[in-house]
Amino acid sequence: MKKFAVILAGCGVFDGAEIHEATFTLLAIAQQGAFYEIFAPDIDQYHVINHLTHKEMPEKRNVLVESARIARGKIKPLSQFRASDFDAIIFPGGFGAAKNLSTIAFDGPNAKVNPEVEAAVKAMHKAGKPIGALCIAPAVIARILGNVEVTIGNDPGTAGTIEKMGGKHIKATHGEVIIDKKNKVFTTPCYMLDATIVQIYEGVMNIVREMLK
């Protein structure tokens, strides 16, 4: 049974992991006969957003603790991740990828990446194992690996940021998976496009299917 590491960035699209993408990732892995473990960095998230009003809230939350909501408590700190234990790694999207796992939301092509996230991606890349990323998360992979082919759909600003980081952006639409065969990097746009929940499900199923090949 193939084993995925799923890396979360909190809970909620505006300040953490996108919940639909995260949940469908777990479902797609299980439906296609593989197994997963969930990880998140044990750090404070950048800020907390009220998802009803879209306004910042005057409080602090922890990325690992918030991610545990999606994982139903079955989650480990990313510091415990070991590439040798897994066949693939995948990052659901949500602004947490660009705010908590990295600073892409604020610093663009000059962004920094959380050291544990960077170490996990580089270890899987060195081992020649598949790396998957959804929505905005492909920009994080481009920041880490540089010269990789990825997609975030067709947003020109984010695509330009990826190009400035040394990556190659390829336009894609709903459900499409862009595969960088050389680097074994798999990406799909998800909610970077104006997508329905059905289109999100299809995109996530497709990327997991391609990674399992």
C-alpha atoms as a PDB file:
ATOM      1  CA  MET A   1       0.000   0.000   0.000  1.00  0.00           C
ATOM      2  CA  LYS A   2       1.439   3.355  -1.065  1.00  0.00           C
ATOM      3  CA  LYS A   3       1.790   5.923   1.688  1.00  0.00           C
ATOM      4  CA  PHE A   4       1.247   9.673   1.335  1.00  0.00           C
ATOM      5  CA  ALA A   5       2.332  12.429   3.683  1.00  0.00           C
ATOM      6  CA  VAL A   6      -0.328  15.159   3.637  1.00  0.00           C
ATOM      7  CA  ILE A   7       0.946  18.540   4.830  1.00  0.00           C
ATOM      8  CA  LEU A   8      -1.616  20.988   6.205  1.00  0.00           C
ATOM      9  CA  ALA A   9      -1.281  24.710   6.938  1.00  0.00           C
ATOM     10  CA  GLY A  10      -4.062  25.317   9.434  1.00  0.00           C
ATOM     11  CA  CYS A  11      -7.833  25.207   9.047  1.00  0.00           C
ATOM     12  CA  GLY A  12      -9.698  27.575   6.745  1.00  0.00           C
ATOM     13  CA  VAL A  13      -9.049  29.038   3.318  1.00  0.00           C
ATOM     14  CA  PHE A  14      -8.089  32.578   4.349  1.00  0.00           C
ATOM     15  CA  ASP A  15      -5.539  31.763   7.048  1.00  0.00           C
ATOM     16  CA  GLY A  16      -4.898  28.013   6.812  1.00  0.00           C
ATOM     17  CA  ALA A  17      -5.519  24.940   4.686  1.00  0.00           C
ATOM     18  CA  GLU A  18      -8.481  24.987   2.273  1.00  0.00           C
ATOM     19  CA  ILE A  19     -10.844  22.536   3.929  1.00  0.00           C
ATOM     20  CA  HIS A  20     -12.472  21.106   0.772  1.00  0.00           C
ATOM     21  CA  GLU A  21      -9.084  20.516  -0.863  1.00  0.00           C
ATOM     22  CA  ALA A  22      -7.653  18.980   2.301  1.00  0.00           C
ATOM     23  CA  THR A  23     -10.622  16.676   2.903  1.00  0.00           C
ATOM     24  CA  PHE A  24     -10.829  15.567  -0.720  1.00  0.00           C
ATOM     25  CA  THR A  25      -7.102  14.838  -0.686  1.00  0.00           C
ATOM     26  CA  LEU A  26      -7.575  12.403   2.187  1.00  0.00           C
ATOM     27  CA  LEU A  27     -10.621  10.886   0.472  1.00  0.00           C
ATOM     28  CA  ALA A  28      -8.887  10.525  -2.903  1.00  0.00           C
ATOM     29  CA  ILE A  29      -5.896   8.799  -1.343  1.00  0.00           C
ATOM     30  CA  ALA A  30      -8.088   6.336   0.557  1.00  0.00           C
ATOM     31  CA  GLN A  31     -10.478   5.706  -2.361  1.00  0.00           C
ATOM     32  CA  GLN A  32      -7.574   4.847  -4.636  1.00  0.00           C
ATOM     33  CA  GLY A  33      -6.177   2.246  -2.282  1.00  0.00           C
ATOM     34  CA  ALA A  34      -3.384   4.192  -0.604  1.00  0.00           C
ATOM     35  CA  PHE A  35      -2.711   5.290   2.957  1.00  0.00           C
ATOM     36  CA  TYR A  36      -1.932   8.682   4.457  1.00  0.00           C
ATOM     37  CA  GLU A  37      -0.466  10.361   7.480  1.00  0.00           C
ATOM     38  CA  ILE A  38      -1.076  14.030   8.203  1.00  0.00           C
ATOM     39  CA  PHE A  39       1.514  16.582   9.323  1.00  0.00           C
ATOM     40  CA  ALA A  40       1.670  20.298  10.035  1.00  0.00           C
ATOM     41  CA  PRO A  41       4.369  22.584  11.426  1.00  0.00           C
ATOM     42  CA  ASP A  42       4.035  23.357  15.136  1.00  0.00           C
ATOM     43  CA  ILE A  43       4.132  27.148  14.734  1.00  0.00           C
ATOM     44  CA  ASP A  44       1.885  30.170  15.234  1.00  0.00           C
ATOM     45  CA  GLN A  45      -0.111  31.004  12.130  1.00  0.00           C
ATOM     46  CA  TYR A  46       0.539  34.425  10.610  1.00  0.00           C
ATOM     47  CA  HIS A  47      -2.852  35.787  11.641  1.00  0.00           C
ATOM     48  CA  VAL A  48      -6.436  34.704  12.270  1.00  0.00           C
ATOM     49  CA  ILE A  49      -9.189  35.662   9.837  1.00  0.00           C
ATOM     50  CA  ASN A  50     -12.896  35.703  10.640  1.00  0.00           C
ATOM     51  CA  HIS A  51     -14.217  33.656   7.732  1.00  0.00           C
ATOM     52  CA  LEU A  52     -17.642  35.276   8.015  1.00  0.00           C
ATOM     53  CA  THR A  53     -16.520  38.931   7.872  1.00  0.00           C
ATOM     54  CA  HIS A  54     -13.077  38.391   6.260  1.00  0.00           C
ATOM     55  CA  LYS A  55     -11.609  40.649   8.942  1.00  0.00           C
ATOM     56  CA  GLU A  56      -8.521  39.927  11.030  1.00  0.00           C
ATOM     57  CA  MET A  57      -9.170  38.825  14.594  1.00  0.00           C
ATOM     58  CA  PRO A  58      -7.068  39.879  17.624  1.00  0.00           C
ATOM     59  CA  GLU A  59      -5.903  36.415  18.655  1.00  0.00           C
ATOM     60  CA  LYS A  60      -3.223  33.817  17.995  1.00  0.00           C
ATOM     61  CA  ARG A  61      -3.648  30.248  16.810  1.00  0.00           C
ATOM     62  CA  ASN A  62      -1.263  27.369  16.211  1.00  0.00           C
ATOM     63  CA  VAL A  63      -0.965  25.757  12.759  1.00  0.00           C
ATOM     64  CA  LEU A  64      -0.654  22.219  14.133  1.00  0.00           C
ATOM     65  CA  VAL A  65      -3.567  22.656  16.543  1.00  0.00           C
ATOM     66  CA  GLU A  66      -5.805  24.136  13.844  1.00  0.00           C
ATOM     67  CA  SER A  67      -4.823  21.458  11.317  1.00  0.00           C
ATOM     68  CA  ALA A  68      -5.808  18.839  13.882  1.00  0.00           C
ATOM     69  CA  ARG A  69      -9.418  19.942  13.352  1.00  0.00           C
ATOM     70  CA  ILE A  70      -9.295  18.577   9.809  1.00  0.00           C
ATOM     71  CA  ALA A  71      -7.258  15.536  10.842  1.00  0.00           C
ATOM     72  CA  ARG A  72      -9.690  14.716  13.670  1.00  0.00           C
ATOM     73  CA  GLY A  73      -6.715  14.823  16.007  1.00  0.00           C
ATOM     74  CA  LYS A  74      -4.689  12.211  14.131  1.00  0.00           C
ATOM     75  CA  ILE A  75      -1.755  14.403  13.117  1.00  0.00           C
ATOM     76  CA  LYS A  76       1.945  14.777  13.822  1.00  0.00           C
ATOM     77  CA  PRO A  77       4.245  17.794  13.959  1.00  0.00           C
ATOM     78  CA  LEU A  78       6.136  18.182  10.691  1.00  0.00           C
ATOM     79  CA  SER A  79       9.400  17.874  12.618  1.00  0.00           C
ATOM     80  CA  GLN A  80       8.653  14.135  12.855  1.00  0.00           C
ATOM     81  CA  PHE A  81       8.376  13.657   9.076  1.00  0.00           C
ATOM     82  CA  ARG A  82      10.880  11.226   7.545  1.00  0.00           C
ATOM     83  CA  ALA A  83      11.017  10.895   3.767  1.00  0.00           C
ATOM     84  CA  SER A  84      12.032   7.236   4.003  1.00  0.00           C
ATOM     85  CA  ASP A  85       8.620   6.414   5.525  1.00  0.00           C
ATOM     86  CA  PHE A  86       6.594   7.700   2.548  1.00  0.00           C
ATOM     87  CA  ASP A  87       6.072   7.130  -1.170  1.00  0.00           C
ATOM     88  CA  ALA A  88       4.708  10.625  -1.887  1.00  0.00           C
ATOM     89  CA  ILE A  89       4.025  14.013  -0.316  1.00  0.00           C
ATOM     90  CA  ILE A  90       1.118  16.344  -1.101  1.00  0.00           C
ATOM     91  CA  PHE A  91       0.158  19.885  -0.107  1.00  0.00           C
ATOM     92  CA  PRO A  92      -3.488  21.021  -0.235  1.00  0.00           C
ATOM     93  CA  GLY A  93      -3.916  24.743  -0.891  1.00  0.00           C
ATOM     94  CA  GLY A  94      -5.433  27.629   0.996  1.00  0.00           C
ATOM     95  CA  PHE A  95      -3.773  30.905   1.965  1.00  0.00           C
ATOM     96  CA  GLY A  96      -2.022  29.116   4.822  1.00  0.00           C
ATOM     97  CA  ALA A  97       0.426  27.719   2.281  1.00  0.00           C
ATOM     98  CA  ALA A  98       1.377  31.291   1.348  1.00  0.00           C
ATOM     99  CA  LYS A  99       1.161  32.730   4.872  1.00  0.00           C
ATOM    100  CA  ASN A 100       2.183  29.945   7.272  1.00  0.00           C
ATOM    101  CA  LEU A 101       4.215  27.461   5.231  1.00  0.00           C
ATOM    102  CA  SER A 102       5.896  30.361   3.436  1.00  0.00           C
ATOM    103  CA  THR A 103       5.756  34.150   3.130  1.00  0.00           C
ATOM    104  CA  ILE A 104       4.755  34.179  -0.546  1.00  0.00           C
ATOM    105  CA  ALA A 105       1.574  36.146   0.232  1.00  0.00           C
ATOM    106  CA  PHE A 106       3.688  39.003   1.543  1.00  0.00           C
ATOM    107  CA  ASP A 107       7.114  38.725  -0.067  1.00  0.00           C
ATOM    108  CA  GLY A 108       6.343  37.262  -3.498  1.00  0.00           C
ATOM    109  CA  PRO A 109       9.450  35.951  -5.279  1.00  0.00           C
ATOM    110  CA  ASN A 110      11.622  36.884  -2.264  1.00  0.00           C
ATOM    111  CA  ALA A 111       9.577  34.697   0.056  1.00  0.00           C
ATOM    112  CA  LYS A 112      11.001  32.508   2.772  1.00  0.00           C
ATOM    113  CA  VAL A 113       9.772  28.961   3.343  1.00  0.00           C
ATOM    114  CA  ASN A 114       9.318  27.301   6.713  1.00  0.00           C
ATOM    115  CA  PRO A 115      12.509  25.241   7.267  1.00  0.00           C
ATOM    116  CA  GLU A 116      10.611  22.022   8.031  1.00  0.00           C
ATOM    117  CA  VAL A 117       8.522  22.379   4.862  1.00  0.00           C
ATOM    118  CA  GLU A 118      11.631  23.040   2.796  1.00  0.00           C
ATOM    119  CA  ALA A 119      13.466  20.070   4.314  1.00  0.00           C
ATOM    120  CA  ALA A 120      10.537  17.724   3.648  1.00  0.00           C
ATOM    121  CA  VAL A 121      10.201  18.751   0.002  1.00  0.00           C
ATOM    122  CA  LYS A 122      13.939  18.581  -0.643  1.00  0.00           C
ATOM    123  CA  ALA A 123      14.187  15.151   0.972  1.00  0.00           C
ATOM    124  CA  MET A 124      11.395  13.753  -1.190  1.00  0.00           C
ATOM    125  CA  HIS A 125      12.855  15.397  -4.284  1.00  0.00           C
ATOM    126  CA  LYS A 126      16.291  13.932  -3.558  1.00  0.00           C
ATOM    127  CA  ALA A 127      14.715  10.500  -3.125  1.00  0.00           C
ATOM    128  CA  GLY A 128      12.914  10.827  -6.474  1.00  0.00           C
ATOM    129  CA  LYS A 129       9.473  10.541  -4.921  1.00  0.00           C
ATOM    130  CA  PRO A 130       6.329  12.325  -6.188  1.00  0.00           C
ATOM    131  CA  ILE A 131       5.522  15.789  -4.830  1.00  0.00           C
ATOM    132  CA  GLY A 132       1.966  17.079  -5.228  1.00  0.00           C
ATOM    133  CA  ALA A 133       0.595  20.581  -4.687  1.00  0.00           C
ATOM    134  CA  LEU A 134      -2.869  22.101  -5.085  1.00  0.00           C
ATOM    135  CA  CYS A 135      -4.146  25.649  -5.563  1.00  0.00           C
ATOM    136  CA  ILE A 136      -1.511  28.185  -4.357  1.00  0.00           C
ATOM    137  CA  ALA A 137       0.787  25.503  -2.892  1.00  0.00           C
ATOM    138  CA  PRO A 138       2.662  24.980  -6.208  1.00  0.00           C
ATOM    139  CA  ALA A 139       4.218  28.419  -5.676  1.00  0.00           C
ATOM    140  CA  VAL A 140       5.784  27.095  -2.466  1.00  0.00           C
ATOM    141  CA  ILE A 141       7.253  24.140  -4.365  1.00  0.00           C
ATOM    142  CA  ALA A 142       8.667  26.521  -6.979  1.00  0.00           C
ATOM    143  CA  ARG A 143      10.257  28.625  -4.256  1.00  0.00           C
ATOM    144  CA  ILE A 144      11.952  25.544  -2.815  1.00  0.00           C
ATOM    145  CA  LEU A 145      13.025  23.722  -5.984  1.00  0.00           C
ATOM    146  CA  GLY A 146      13.398  26.605  -8.438  1.00  0.00           C
ATOM    147  CA  ASN A 147      13.403  25.229 -11.966  1.00  0.00           C
ATOM    148  CA  VAL A 148      10.160  23.230 -11.949  1.00  0.00           C
ATOM    149  CA  GLU A 149       7.041  23.205 -14.133  1.00  0.00           C
ATOM    150  CA  VAL A 150       3.871  23.939 -12.156  1.00  0.00           C
ATOM    151  CA  THR A 151       0.410  25.437 -12.497  1.00  0.00           C
ATOM    152  CA  ILE A 152      -1.797  27.616 -10.341  1.00  0.00           C
ATOM    153  CA  GLY A 153      -4.344  27.930 -13.147  1.00  0.00           C
ATOM    154  CA  ASN A 154      -4.120  31.213 -15.030  1.00  0.00           C
ATOM    155  CA  ASP A 155      -3.666  34.034 -12.486  1.00  0.00           C
ATOM    156  CA  PRO A 156      -1.023  36.312 -14.083  1.00  0.00           C
ATOM    157  CA  GLY A 157       0.271  37.769 -10.816  1.00  0.00           C
ATOM    158  CA  THR A 158       0.982  34.432  -9.148  1.00  0.00           C
ATOM    159  CA  ALA A 159       2.265  32.965 -12.416  1.00  0.00           C
ATOM    160  CA  GLY A 160       4.678  35.894 -12.678  1.00  0.00           C
ATOM    161  CA  THR A 161       5.888  35.278  -9.136  1.00  0.00           C
ATOM    162  CA  ILE A 162       6.571  31.634  -9.994  1.00  0.00           C
ATOM    163  CA  GLU A 163       8.549  32.658 -13.083  1.00  0.00           C
ATOM    164  CA  LYS A 164      10.618  35.117 -11.022  1.00  0.00           C
ATOM    165  CA  MET A 165      11.472  32.291  -8.609  1.00  0.00           C
ATOM    166  CA  GLY A 166      12.922  30.279 -11.472  1.00  0.00           C
ATOM    167  CA  GLY A 167       9.913  28.091 -12.146  1.00  0.00           C
ATOM    168  CA  LYS A 168       7.936  27.647 -15.345  1.00  0.00           C
ATOM    169  CA  HIS A 169       4.215  28.285 -15.107  1.00  0.00           C
ATOM    170  CA  ILE A 170       1.857  26.379 -17.384  1.00  0.00           C
ATOM    171  CA  LYS A 171      -1.758  27.479 -17.731  1.00  0.00           C
ATOM    172  CA  ALA A 172      -4.318  24.868 -16.764  1.00  0.00           C
ATOM    173  CA  THR A 173      -8.057  24.617 -16.260  1.00  0.00           C
ATOM    174  CA  HIS A 174     -10.399  22.680 -13.993  1.00  0.00           C
ATOM    175  CA  GLY A 175      -9.248  19.155 -13.242  1.00  0.00           C
ATOM    176  CA  GLU A 176      -6.028  19.416 -15.223  1.00  0.00           C
ATOM    177  CA  VAL A 177      -2.826  18.077 -13.730  1.00  0.00           C
ATOM    178  CA  ILE A 178       0.516  19.478 -14.839  1.00  0.00           C
ATOM    179  CA  ILE A 179       3.286  16.925 -14.470  1.00  0.00           C
ATOM    180  CA  ASP A 180       6.962  17.824 -14.343  1.00  0.00           C
ATOM    181  CA  LYS A 181       8.283  14.354 -15.160  1.00  0.00           C
ATOM    182  CA  LYS A 182      11.900  15.239 -14.496  1.00  0.00           C
ATOM    183  CA  ASN A 183      11.243  16.462 -10.963  1.00  0.00           C
ATOM    184  CA  LYS A 184       8.156  14.288 -10.303  1.00  0.00           C
ATOM    185  CA  VAL A 185       6.136  17.369  -9.346  1.00  0.00           C
ATOM    186  CA  PHE A 186       2.352  17.229  -9.833  1.00  0.00           C
ATOM    187  CA  THR A 187       0.160  20.337  -9.608  1.00  0.00           C
ATOM    188  CA  THR A 188      -3.479  21.298 -10.204  1.00  0.00           C
ATOM    189  CA  PRO A 189      -5.295  24.665  -9.845  1.00  0.00           C
ATOM    190  CA  CYS A 190      -8.331  23.839  -7.663  1.00  0.00           C
ATOM    191  CA  TYR A 191      -9.664  27.045  -6.040  1.00  0.00           C
ATOM    192  CA  MET A 192      -7.125  29.270  -7.773  1.00  0.00           C
ATOM    193  CA  LEU A 193      -9.829  29.075 -10.445  1.00  0.00           C
ATOM    194  CA  ASP A 194     -13.489  29.963  -9.937  1.00  0.00           C
ATOM    195  CA  ALA A 195     -14.360  26.347  -9.260  1.00  0.00           C
ATOM    196  CA  THR A 196     -17.329  24.382  -7.974  1.00  0.00           C
ATOM    197  CA  ILE A 197     -16.925  21.806  -5.242  1.00  0.00           C
ATOM    198  CA  VAL A 198     -17.462  19.082  -7.873  1.00  0.00           C
ATOM    199  CA  GLN A 199     -14.566  20.466  -9.942  1.00  0.00           C
ATOM    200  CA  ILE A 200     -12.380  20.509  -6.836  1.00  0.00           C
ATOM    201  CA  TYR A 201     -13.164  16.856  -6.172  1.00  0.00           C
ATOM    202  CA  GLU A 202     -12.339  15.924  -9.769  1.00  0.00           C
ATOM    203  CA  GLY A 203      -9.065  17.833  -9.700  1.00  0.00           C
ATOM    204  CA  VAL A 204      -7.953  16.240  -6.448  1.00  0.00           C
ATOM    205  CA  MET A 205      -8.890  12.753  -7.625  1.00  0.00           C
ATOM    206  CA  ASN A 206      -6.941  13.334 -10.830  1.00  0.00           C
ATOM    207  CA  ILE A 207      -3.758  14.518  -9.133  1.00  0.00           C
ATOM    208  CA  VAL A 208      -3.723  11.635  -6.660  1.00  0.00           C
ATOM    209  CA  ARG A 209      -4.350   9.198  -9.523  1.00  0.00           C
ATOM    210  CA  GLU A 210      -1.430  10.597 -11.512  1.00  0.00           C
ATOM    211  CA  MET A 211       0.868  10.516  -8.493  1.00  0.00           C
ATOM    212  CA  LEU A 212       0.014   6.885  -7.830  1.00  0.00           C
ATOM    213  CA  LYS A 213       1.035   5.941 -11.364  1.00  0.00           C
END
